[in-house]
C-alpha cells in the first residue's frame, strides 16, 4: 500500500514519482507518461524496481517549457527537436 507523501515532503525531494509530478505540474498522468515515452522528460530508473524517478526541478521546468511551446502552437516533433538542441 503506497501512502502519498505530503506536498511539503515532495517539494523538499530531489526526485519525485510520476504521480507526484502530476500533482506538482497540474498535468495529466497520461500526458506526462507520453512525454516520458517520447524522451521529452528526464528520469532515472533503478534496475531492480522499475519505478521511474524524475529530478523534480528539471522535470517541472521541462513540463512548463513543453506547455509554453504547445501554447505557441508548436507540434510535438517541433518541441522534441527544440528540447534535443538544449541537451
PDB file of N, CA and C in Angstrom:
ATOM      1  N   UNK A   1       0.852  -1.196   0.000  1.00  0.00           N
ATOM      2  CA  UNK A   1       0.000   0.000   0.000  1.00  0.00           C
ATOM      3  C   UNK A   1       0.885   1.242   0.000  1.00  0.00           C
ATOM      4  N   UNK A   2       0.713   2.083  -0.982  1.00  0.00           N
ATOM      5  CA  UNK A   2       1.568   3.270  -1.043  1.00  0.00           C
ATOM      6  C   UNK A   2       0.822   4.471  -0.489  1.00  0.00           C
ATOM      7  N   UNK A   3       1.448   5.073   0.489  1.00  0.00           N
ATOM      8  CA  UNK A   3       0.871   6.259   1.114  1.00  0.00           C
ATOM      9  C   UNK A   3       1.419   7.479   0.393  1.00  0.00           C
ATOM     10  N   UNK A   4       0.548   8.408   0.065  1.00  0.00           N
ATOM     11  CA  UNK A   4       1.009   9.620  -0.618  1.00  0.00           C
ATOM     12  C   UNK A   4       1.881  10.452   0.318  1.00  0.00           C
ATOM     13  N   UNK A   5       2.954  10.975  -0.236  1.00  0.00           N
ATOM     14  CA  UNK A   5       3.802  11.867   0.547  1.00  0.00           C
ATOM     15  C   UNK A   5       3.141  13.238   0.612  1.00  0.00           C
ATOM     16  N   UNK A   6       3.428  13.961   1.680  1.00  0.00           N
ATOM     17  CA  UNK A   6       2.868  15.308   1.808  1.00  0.00           C
ATOM     18  C   UNK A   6       3.531  16.223   0.786  1.00  0.00           C
ATOM     19  N   UNK A   7       2.834  17.283   0.417  1.00  0.00           N
ATOM     20  CA  UNK A   7       3.363  18.242  -0.555  1.00  0.00           C
ATOM     21  C   UNK A   7       4.682  18.822  -0.039  1.00  0.00           C
ATOM     22  N   UNK A   8       4.760  19.015   1.270  1.00  0.00           N
ATOM     23  CA  UNK A   8       5.985  19.539   1.885  1.00  0.00           C
ATOM     24  C   UNK A   8       7.169  18.594   1.617  1.00  0.00           C
ATOM     25  N   UNK A   9       6.938  17.308   1.783  1.00  0.00           N
ATOM     26  CA  UNK A   9       7.984  16.306   1.542  1.00  0.00           C
ATOM     27  C   UNK A   9       8.351  16.253   0.048  1.00  0.00           C
ATOM     28  N   UNK A  10       7.330  16.324  -0.801  1.00  0.00           N
ATOM     29  CA  UNK A  10       7.564  16.288  -2.248  1.00  0.00           C
ATOM     30  C   UNK A  10       8.431  17.483  -2.659  1.00  0.00           C
ATOM     31  N   UNK A  11       8.085  18.664  -2.156  1.00  0.00           N
ATOM     32  CA  UNK A  11       8.806  19.885  -2.524  1.00  0.00           C
ATOM     33  C   UNK A  11      10.228  19.911  -1.974  1.00  0.00           C
ATOM     34  N   UNK A  12      10.493  19.092  -0.953  1.00  0.00           N
ATOM     35  CA  UNK A  12      11.838  19.015  -0.376  1.00  0.00           C
ATOM     36  C   UNK A  12      12.678  17.929  -1.054  1.00  0.00           C
ATOM     37  N   UNK A  13      12.036  17.121  -1.901  1.00  0.00           N
ATOM     38  CA  UNK A  13      12.723  15.986  -2.525  1.00  0.00           C
ATOM     39  C   UNK A  13      13.440  16.373  -3.797  1.00  0.00           C
ATOM     40  N   UNK A  14      14.574  15.730  -3.988  1.00  0.00           N
ATOM     41  CA  UNK A  14      15.312  15.934  -5.235  1.00  0.00           C
ATOM     42  C   UNK A  14      14.612  15.186  -6.367  1.00  0.00           C
ATOM     43  N   UNK A  15      14.076  14.002  -6.038  1.00  0.00           N
ATOM     44  CA  UNK A  15      13.391  13.177  -7.037  1.00  0.00           C
ATOM     45  C   UNK A  15      11.937  12.941  -6.661  1.00  0.00           C
ATOM     46  N   UNK A  16      11.076  12.878  -7.666  1.00  0.00           N
ATOM     47  CA  UNK A  16       9.649  12.630  -7.437  1.00  0.00           C
ATOM     48  C   UNK A  16       9.166  11.525  -8.377  1.00  0.00           C
ATOM     49  N   UNK A  17       8.041  10.922  -8.008  1.00  0.00           N
ATOM     50  CA  UNK A  17       7.415   9.911  -8.863  1.00  0.00           C
ATOM     51  C   UNK A  17       6.576  10.618  -9.924  1.00  0.00           C
ATOM     52  N   UNK A  18       6.118   9.869 -10.902  1.00  0.00           N
ATOM     53  CA  UNK A  18       5.270  10.477 -11.939  1.00  0.00           C
ATOM     54  C   UNK A  18       3.965  10.989 -11.322  1.00  0.00           C
ATOM     55  N   UNK A  19       3.431  10.267 -10.348  1.00  0.00           N
ATOM     56  CA  UNK A  19       2.212  10.703  -9.662  1.00  0.00           C
ATOM     57  C   UNK A  19       2.411  12.030  -8.946  1.00  0.00           C
ATOM     58  N   UNK A  20       3.585  12.172  -8.328  1.00  0.00           N
ATOM     59  CA  UNK A  20       3.891  13.429  -7.636  1.00  0.00           C
ATOM     60  C   UNK A  20       4.113  14.553  -8.643  1.00  0.00           C
ATOM     61  N   UNK A  21       4.685  14.212  -9.775  1.00  0.00           N
ATOM     62  CA  UNK A  21       4.886  15.201 -10.840  1.00  0.00           C
ATOM     63  C   UNK A  21       3.531  15.684 -11.382  1.00  0.00           C
ATOM     64  N   UNK A  22       2.560  14.775 -11.446  1.00  0.00           N
ATOM     65  CA  UNK A  22       1.191  15.133 -11.842  1.00  0.00           C
ATOM     66  C   UNK A  22       0.658  16.188 -10.873  1.00  0.00           C
ATOM     67  N   UNK A  23       0.822  15.930  -9.571  1.00  0.00           N
ATOM     68  CA  UNK A  23       0.325  16.865  -8.551  1.00  0.00           C
ATOM     69  C   UNK A  23       1.026  18.217  -8.637  1.00  0.00           C
ATOM     70  N   UNK A  24       2.333  18.192  -8.866  1.00  0.00           N
ATOM     71  CA  UNK A  24       3.110  19.438  -8.911  1.00  0.00           C
ATOM     72  C   UNK A  24       2.841  20.264 -10.163  1.00  0.00           C
ATOM     73  N   UNK A  25       2.659  19.582 -11.291  1.00  0.00           N
ATOM     74  CA  UNK A  25       2.564  20.299 -12.571  1.00  0.00           C
ATOM     75  C   UNK A  25       1.131  20.601 -12.996  1.00  0.00           C
ATOM     76  N   UNK A  26       0.184  19.844 -12.427  1.00  0.00           N
ATOM     77  CA  UNK A  26      -1.204  20.020 -12.846  1.00  0.00           C
ATOM     78  C   UNK A  26      -1.473  19.361 -14.194  1.00  0.00           C
ATOM     79  N   UNK A  27      -0.497  18.617 -14.708  1.00  0.00           N
ATOM     80  CA  UNK A  27      -0.678  17.898 -15.977  1.00  0.00           C
ATOM     81  C   UNK A  27      -1.321  16.550 -15.705  1.00  0.00           C
ATOM     82  N   UNK A  28      -1.882  15.971 -16.757  1.00  0.00           N
ATOM     83  CA  UNK A  28      -2.494  14.657 -16.611  1.00  0.00           C
ATOM     84  C   UNK A  28      -1.422  13.581 -16.630  1.00  0.00           C
ATOM     85  N   UNK A  29      -1.696  12.475 -15.931  1.00  0.00           N
ATOM     86  CA  UNK A  29      -0.777  11.342 -15.877  1.00  0.00           C
ATOM     87  C   UNK A  29      -0.444  10.861 -17.288  1.00  0.00           C
ATOM     88  N   UNK A  30      -1.467  10.716 -18.119  1.00  0.00           N
ATOM     89  CA  UNK A  30      -1.264  10.206 -19.487  1.00  0.00           C
ATOM     90  C   UNK A  30      -0.362  11.136 -20.298  1.00  0.00           C
ATOM     91  N   UNK A  31      -0.481  12.445 -20.057  1.00  0.00           N
ATOM     92  CA  UNK A  31       0.341  13.432 -20.751  1.00  0.00           C
ATOM     93  C   UNK A  31       1.802  13.277 -20.350  1.00  0.00           C
ATOM     94  N   UNK A  32       2.050  13.176 -19.050  1.00  0.00           N
ATOM     95  CA  UNK A  32       3.428  13.043 -18.561  1.00  0.00           C
ATOM     96  C   UNK A  32       4.034  11.714 -19.007  1.00  0.00           C
ATOM     97  N   UNK A  33       3.213  10.672 -19.024  1.00  0.00           N
ATOM     98  CA  UNK A  33       3.679   9.357 -19.472  1.00  0.00           C
ATOM     99  C   UNK A  33       4.089   9.444 -20.951  1.00  0.00           C
ATOM    100  N   UNK A  34       3.293  10.134 -21.742  1.00  0.00           N
ATOM    101  CA  UNK A  34       3.594  10.336 -23.157  1.00  0.00           C
ATOM    102  C   UNK A  34       4.917  11.100 -23.318  1.00  0.00           C
ATOM    103  N   UNK A  35       5.069  12.205 -22.587  1.00  0.00           N
ATOM    104  CA  UNK A  35       6.303  12.996 -22.664  1.00  0.00           C
ATOM    105  C   UNK A  35       7.510  12.138 -22.305  1.00  0.00           C
ATOM    106  N   UNK A  36       7.346  11.287 -21.287  1.00  0.00           N
ATOM    107  CA  UNK A  36       8.437  10.412 -20.845  1.00  0.00           C
ATOM    108  C   UNK A  36       8.789   9.417 -21.943  1.00  0.00           C
ATOM    109  N   UNK A  37       7.768   8.792 -22.516  1.00  0.00           N
ATOM    110  CA  UNK A  37       7.987   7.785 -23.558  1.00  0.00           C
ATOM    111  C   UNK A  37       8.588   8.399 -24.816  1.00  0.00           C
ATOM    112  N   UNK A  38       8.282   9.677 -25.058  1.00  0.00           N
ATOM    113  CA  UNK A  38       8.831  10.374 -26.225  1.00  0.00           C
ATOM    114  C   UNK A  38      10.234  10.929 -25.950  1.00  0.00           C
ATOM    115  N   UNK A  39      10.733  10.696 -24.743  1.00  0.00           N
ATOM    116  CA  UNK A  39      12.084  11.157 -24.401  1.00  0.00           C
ATOM    117  C   UNK A  39      12.168  12.641 -24.093  1.00  0.00           C
ATOM    118  N   UNK A  40      11.038  13.239 -23.759  1.00  0.00           N
ATOM    119  CA  UNK A  40      10.999  14.687 -23.507  1.00  0.00           C
ATOM    120  C   UNK A  40      11.195  15.037 -22.036  1.00  0.00           C
ATOM    121  N   UNK A  41      10.999  14.052 -21.161  1.00  0.00           N
ATOM    122  CA  UNK A  41      11.158  14.286 -19.723  1.00  0.00           C
ATOM    123  C   UNK A  41      12.288  13.423 -19.187  1.00  0.00           C
ATOM    124  N   UNK A  42      13.214  14.036 -18.439  1.00  0.00           N
ATOM    125  CA  UNK A  42      14.335  13.280 -17.880  1.00  0.00           C
ATOM    126  C   UNK A  42      13.900  12.446 -16.678  1.00  0.00           C
ATOM    127  N   UNK A  43      14.425  11.234 -16.568  1.00  0.00           N
ATOM    128  CA  UNK A  43      14.157  10.425 -15.375  1.00  0.00           C
ATOM    129  C   UNK A  43      15.288   9.449 -15.145  1.00  0.00           C
ATOM    130  N   UNK A  44      15.335   8.919 -13.932  1.00  0.00           N
ATOM    131  CA  UNK A  44      16.286   7.866 -13.593  1.00  0.00           C
ATOM    132  C   UNK A  44      15.466   6.635 -13.270  1.00  0.00           C
ATOM    133  N   UNK A  45      16.005   5.473 -13.590  1.00  0.00           N
ATOM    134  CA  UNK A  45      15.262   4.244 -13.325  1.00  0.00           C
ATOM    135  C   UNK A  45      16.219   3.207 -12.763  1.00  0.00           C
ATOM    136  N   UNK A  46      15.929   2.752 -11.558  1.00  0.00           N
ATOM    137  CA  UNK A  46      16.762   1.715 -10.964  1.00  0.00           C
ATOM    138  C   UNK A  46      16.421   0.377 -11.592  1.00  0.00           C
ATOM    139  N   UNK A  47      17.421  -0.464 -11.721  1.00  0.00           N
ATOM    140  CA  UNK A  47      17.217  -1.768 -12.359  1.00  0.00           C
ATOM    141  C   UNK A  47      16.216  -2.648 -11.609  1.00  0.00           C
ATOM    142  N   UNK A  48      16.438  -2.831 -10.306  1.00  0.00           N
ATOM    143  CA  UNK A  48      15.624  -3.788  -9.544  1.00  0.00           C
ATOM    144  C   UNK A  48      14.138  -3.412  -9.556  1.00  0.00           C
ATOM    145  N   UNK A  49      13.845  -2.185  -9.132  1.00  0.00           N
ATOM    146  CA  UNK A  49      12.431  -1.788  -9.178  1.00  0.00           C
ATOM    147  C   UNK A  49      12.261  -0.825 -10.339  1.00  0.00           C
ATOM    148  N   UNK A  50      11.195  -0.996 -11.043  1.00  0.00           N
ATOM    149  CA  UNK A  50      11.030  -0.262 -12.293  1.00  0.00           C
ATOM    150  C   UNK A  50      10.477   1.146 -12.116  1.00  0.00           C
ATOM    151  N   UNK A  51      10.484   1.627 -10.881  1.00  0.00           N
ATOM    152  CA  UNK A  51       9.950   2.962 -10.615  1.00  0.00           C
ATOM    153  C   UNK A  51      10.821   4.028 -11.258  1.00  0.00           C
ATOM    154  N   UNK A  52      10.205   4.867 -12.040  1.00  0.00           N
ATOM    155  CA  UNK A  52      10.920   5.989 -12.630  1.00  0.00           C
ATOM    156  C   UNK A  52      10.911   7.130 -11.624  1.00  0.00           C
ATOM    157  N   UNK A  53      12.078   7.725 -11.438  1.00  0.00           N
ATOM    158  CA  UNK A  53      12.184   8.868 -10.530  1.00  0.00           C
ATOM    159  C   UNK A  53      12.609  10.072 -11.355  1.00  0.00           C
ATOM    160  N   UNK A  54      11.871  11.143 -11.213  1.00  0.00           N
ATOM    161  CA  UNK A  54      12.121  12.347 -12.001  1.00  0.00           C
ATOM    162  C   UNK A  54      12.844  13.385 -11.151  1.00  0.00           C
ATOM    163  N   UNK A  55      13.906  14.012 -11.693  1.00  0.00           N
ATOM    164  CA  UNK A  55      14.540  15.106 -10.963  1.00  0.00           C
ATOM    165  C   UNK A  55      13.533  16.264 -10.911  1.00  0.00           C
ATOM    166  N   UNK A  56      13.024  16.539  -9.727  1.00  0.00           N
ATOM    167  CA  UNK A  56      11.867  17.433  -9.553  1.00  0.00           C
ATOM    168  C   UNK A  56      11.993  18.769 -10.289  1.00  0.00           C
ATOM    169  N   UNK A  57      13.037  19.522  -9.998  1.00  0.00           N
ATOM    170  CA  UNK A  57      13.136  20.871 -10.573  1.00  0.00           C
ATOM    171  C   UNK A  57      13.296  20.836 -12.089  1.00  0.00           C
ATOM    172  N   UNK A  58      14.157  19.948 -12.564  1.00  0.00           N
ATOM    173  CA  UNK A  58      14.405  19.843 -14.008  1.00  0.00           C
ATOM    174  C   UNK A  58      13.151  19.372 -14.748  1.00  0.00           C
ATOM    175  N   UNK A  59      12.475  18.367 -14.182  1.00  0.00           N
ATOM    176  CA  UNK A  59      11.270  17.833 -14.825  1.00  0.00           C
ATOM    177  C   UNK A  59      10.153  18.882 -14.865  1.00  0.00           C
ATOM    178  N   UNK A  60       9.979  19.614 -13.762  1.00  0.00           N
ATOM    179  CA  UNK A  60       8.951  20.663 -13.733  1.00  0.00           C
ATOM    180  C   UNK A  60       9.249  21.762 -14.751  1.00  0.00           C
ATOM    181  N   UNK A  61      10.515  22.132 -14.854  1.00  0.00           N
ATOM    182  CA  UNK A  61      10.905  23.158 -15.822  1.00  0.00           C
ATOM    183  C   UNK A  61      10.608  22.676 -17.247  1.00  0.00           C
ATOM    184  N   UNK A  62      10.893  21.400 -17.511  1.00  0.00           N
ATOM    185  CA  UNK A  62      10.633  20.817 -18.839  1.00  0.00           C
ATOM    186  C   UNK A  62       9.138  20.805 -19.142  1.00  0.00           C
ATOM    187  N   UNK A  63       8.322  20.381 -18.170  1.00  0.00           N
ATOM    188  CA  UNK A  63       6.865  20.340 -18.368  1.00  0.00           C
ATOM    189  C   UNK A  63       6.368  21.744 -18.708  1.00  0.00           C
ATOM    190  N   UNK A  64       6.843  22.744 -17.961  1.00  0.00           N
ATOM    191  CA  UNK A  64       6.423  24.135 -18.208  1.00  0.00           C
ATOM    192  C   UNK A  64       6.842  24.572 -19.612  1.00  0.00           C
ATOM    193  N   UNK A  65       8.066  24.239 -19.986  1.00  0.00           N
ATOM    194  CA  UNK A  65       8.570  24.606 -21.316  1.00  0.00           C
ATOM    195  C   UNK A  65       7.727  23.948 -22.412  1.00  0.00           C
ATOM    196  N   UNK A  66       7.414  22.678 -22.240  1.00  0.00           N
ATOM    197  CA  UNK A  66       6.587  21.952 -23.221  1.00  0.00           C
ATOM    198  C   UNK A  66       5.207  22.609 -23.318  1.00  0.00           C
ATOM    199  N   UNK A  67       4.614  22.928 -22.146  1.00  0.00           N
ATOM    200  CA  UNK A  67       3.289  23.575 -22.127  1.00  0.00           C
ATOM    201  C   UNK A  67       3.338  24.921 -22.852  1.00  0.00           C
ATOM    202  N   UNK A  68       4.393  25.691 -22.591  1.00  0.00           N
ATOM    203  CA  UNK A  68       4.533  27.009 -23.232  1.00  0.00           C
ATOM    204  C   UNK A  68       4.661  26.864 -24.749  1.00  0.00           C
ATOM    205  N   UNK A  69       5.477  25.901 -25.192  1.00  0.00           N
ATOM    206  CA  UNK A  69       5.659  25.684 -26.630  1.00  0.00           C
ATOM    207  C   UNK A  69       4.365  25.215 -27.286  1.00  0.00           C
ATOM    208  N   UNK A  70       3.592  24.385 -26.562  1.00  0.00           N
ATOM    209  CA  UNK A  70       2.300  23.935 -27.097  1.00  0.00           C
ATOM    210  C   UNK A  70       1.342  25.113 -27.247  1.00  0.00           C
ATOM    211  N   UNK A  71       1.374  26.022 -26.258  1.00  0.00           N
ATOM    212  CA  UNK A  71       0.516  27.216 -26.324  1.00  0.00           C
ATOM    213  C   UNK A  71       0.879  28.076 -27.532  1.00  0.00           C
ATOM    214  N   UNK A  72       2.142  28.043 -27.927  1.00  0.00           N
ATOM    215  CA  UNK A  72       2.604  28.809 -29.098  1.00  0.00           C
ATOM    216  C   UNK A  72       2.247  28.089 -30.398  1.00  0.00           C
ATOM    217  N   UNK A  73       1.587  26.933 -30.270  1.00  0.00           N
ATOM    218  CA  UNK A  73       1.150  26.205 -31.457  1.00  0.00           C
ATOM    219  C   UNK A  73       2.176  25.249 -32.036  1.00  0.00           C
ATOM    220  N   UNK A  74       3.215  24.952 -31.264  1.00  0.00           N
ATOM    221  CA  UNK A  74       4.250  24.027 -31.740  1.00  0.00           C
ATOM    222  C   UNK A  74       3.745  22.582 -31.685  1.00  0.00           C
ATOM    223  N   UNK A  75       4.185  21.787 -32.657  1.00  0.00           N
ATOM    224  CA  UNK A  75       3.821  20.366 -32.682  1.00  0.00           C
ATOM    225  C   UNK A  75       4.776  19.581 -31.786  1.00  0.00           C
ATOM    226  N   UNK A  76       4.405  18.362 -31.432  1.00  0.00           N
ATOM    227  CA  UNK A  76       5.269  17.512 -30.602  1.00  0.00           C
ATOM    228  C   UNK A  76       6.635  17.294 -31.280  1.00  0.00           C
ATOM    229  N   UNK A  77       6.684  16.970 -32.587  1.00  0.00           N
ATOM    230  CA  UNK A  77       8.009  16.834 -33.221  1.00  0.00           C
ATOM    231  C   UNK A  77       8.860  18.105 -33.133  1.00  0.00           C
ATOM    232  N   UNK A  78       8.227  19.268 -33.284  1.00  0.00           N
ATOM    233  CA  UNK A  78       8.958  20.546 -33.168  1.00  0.00           C
ATOM    234  C   UNK A  78       9.490  20.735 -31.746  1.00  0.00           C
ATOM    235  N   UNK A  79       8.644  20.410 -30.770  1.00  0.00           N
ATOM    236  CA  UNK A  79       9.039  20.558 -29.363  1.00  0.00           C
ATOM    237  C   UNK A  79      10.189  19.609 -29.049  1.00  0.00           C
ATOM    238  N   UNK A  80      10.088  18.359 -29.526  1.00  0.00           N
ATOM    239  CA  UNK A  80      11.154  17.385 -29.276  1.00  0.00           C
ATOM    240  C   UNK A  80      12.476  17.858 -29.863  1.00  0.00           C
ATOM    241  N   UNK A  81      12.421  18.411 -31.063  1.00  0.00           N
ATOM    242  CA  UNK A  81      13.618  18.918 -31.729  1.00  0.00           C
ATOM    243  C   UNK A  81      14.233  20.053 -30.918  1.00  0.00           C
ATOM    244  N   UNK A  82      13.376  20.938 -30.458  1.00  0.00           N
ATOM    245  CA  UNK A  82      13.838  22.089 -29.678  1.00  0.00           C
ATOM    246  C   UNK A  82      14.475  21.653 -28.356  1.00  0.00           C
ATOM    247  N   UNK A  83      13.843  20.681 -27.675  1.00  0.00           N
ATOM    248  CA  UNK A  83      14.391  20.181 -26.410  1.00  0.00           C
ATOM    249  C   UNK A  83      15.707  19.444 -26.650  1.00  0.00           C
ATOM    250  N   UNK A  84      15.808  18.713 -27.747  1.00  0.00           N
ATOM    251  CA  UNK A  84      17.020  17.953 -28.059  1.00  0.00           C
ATOM    252  C   UNK A  84      18.217  18.881 -28.275  1.00  0.00           C
ATOM    253  N   UNK A  85      17.965  20.047 -28.850  1.00  0.00           N
ATOM    254  CA  UNK A  85      19.040  21.017 -29.098  1.00  0.00           C
ATOM    255  C   UNK A  85      19.639  21.534 -27.794  1.00  0.00           C
ATOM    256  N   UNK A  86      18.819  21.558 -26.745  1.00  0.00           N
ATOM    257  CA  UNK A  86      19.263  22.106 -25.465  1.00  0.00           C
ATOM    258  C   UNK A  86      20.070  21.095 -24.650  1.00  0.00           C
ATOM    259  N   UNK A  87      19.887  19.808 -24.906  1.00  0.00           N
ATOM    260  CA  UNK A  87      20.526  18.773 -24.072  1.00  0.00           C
ATOM    261  C   UNK A  87      22.018  18.677 -24.334  1.00  0.00           C
TER     262      UNK A  87
END
